[in-house]
Amino acid sequence: MMNRQQQKEFLEATAWLRPVTRWAAAFSIRWSGILPAGIRNLPLKIVKRILANYQTRMSSGCKTHR
């Protein structure tokens, strides 16, 4: 569990990803029923991995990327 300071740092570190996340969600919704789920959800899966990587790095105390 992250404390408030860690949450703030996480939000600041991932602020650049918010527009990408919105685009990925819109892409998935827009192509629903047209593209297979694996392709349609690929941008969301990439965003999820990036966020998980940031969270793991921050919770482990590693501050190499700021």
Protein backbone atom coordinates (compact mmCIF):
# COMPACT_ATOMS: atom_id res chain seq x y z
CA MET A 1 0.00 0.00 0.00
CA MET A 2 1.32 3.43 -0.93
CA ASN A 3 1.23 6.35 1.48
CA ARG A 4 0.03 9.80 0.43
CA GLN A 5 3.47 11.03 -0.59
CA GLN A 6 4.03 7.95 -2.74
CA GLN A 7 0.58 8.36 -4.31
CA LYS A 8 1.36 11.99 -5.13
CA GLU A 9 4.71 11.02 -6.67
CA PHE A 10 3.02 8.23 -8.64
CA LEU A 11 0.40 10.62 -10.04
CA GLU A 12 3.06 13.16 -10.98
CA ALA A 13 5.26 10.52 -12.60
CA THR A 14 2.40 9.12 -14.68
CA ALA A 15 0.67 12.37 -15.63
CA TRP A 16 1.99 12.06 -19.20
CA LEU A 17 0.13 8.75 -19.51
CA ARG A 18 -3.38 10.11 -18.86
CA PRO A 19 -4.07 11.24 -22.45
CA VAL A 20 -2.72 7.93 -23.73
CA THR A 21 -5.04 6.06 -21.36
CA ARG A 22 -8.04 8.07 -22.57
CA TRP A 23 -7.11 7.36 -26.18
CA ALA A 24 -6.65 3.63 -25.47
CA ALA A 25 -10.07 3.41 -23.80
CA ALA A 26 -11.73 5.30 -26.66
CA PHE A 27 -9.99 3.06 -29.20
CA SER A 28 -11.24 -0.06 -27.43
CA ILE A 29 -14.81 1.23 -27.24
CA ARG A 30 -14.83 2.56 -30.81
CA TRP A 31 -13.70 -0.74 -32.33
CA SER A 32 -15.88 -2.96 -30.13
CA GLY A 33 -17.54 -5.61 -32.27
CA ILE A 34 -15.22 -4.93 -35.21
CA LEU A 35 -11.76 -5.97 -34.03
CA PRO A 36 -10.99 -9.08 -32.01
CA ALA A 37 -10.69 -8.39 -28.27
CA GLY A 38 -6.97 -9.19 -28.19
CA ILE A 39 -6.16 -6.49 -30.74
CA ARG A 40 -8.80 -4.04 -29.51
CA ASN A 41 -7.52 -4.14 -25.92
CA LEU A 42 -3.80 -4.14 -26.73
CA PRO A 43 -3.33 -0.39 -26.06
CA LEU A 44 -5.03 -0.78 -22.67
CA LYS A 45 -2.82 -3.74 -21.80
CA ILE A 46 0.28 -1.71 -22.65
CA VAL A 47 -0.90 1.15 -20.42
CA LYS A 48 -1.62 -1.34 -17.63
CA ARG A 49 1.92 -2.75 -17.84
CA ILE A 50 3.47 0.72 -17.80
CA LEU A 51 1.45 1.69 -14.71
CA ALA A 52 2.27 -1.59 -12.96
CA ASN A 53 5.96 -1.04 -13.70
CA TYR A 54 5.85 2.49 -12.26
CA GLN A 55 3.99 1.29 -9.17
CA THR A 56 6.42 -1.58 -8.58
CA ARG A 57 9.39 0.73 -8.97
CA MET A 58 7.93 3.30 -6.57
CA SER A 59 6.88 0.81 -3.91
CA SER A 60 10.30 -0.86 -3.98
CA GLY A 61 11.99 2.45 -3.24
CA CYS A 62 13.93 2.56 -6.50
CA LYS A 63 14.20 6.22 -7.58
CA THR A 64 16.28 5.82 -10.74
CA HIS A 65 13.71 7.37 -13.11
CA ARG A 66 12.23 10.71 -12.10
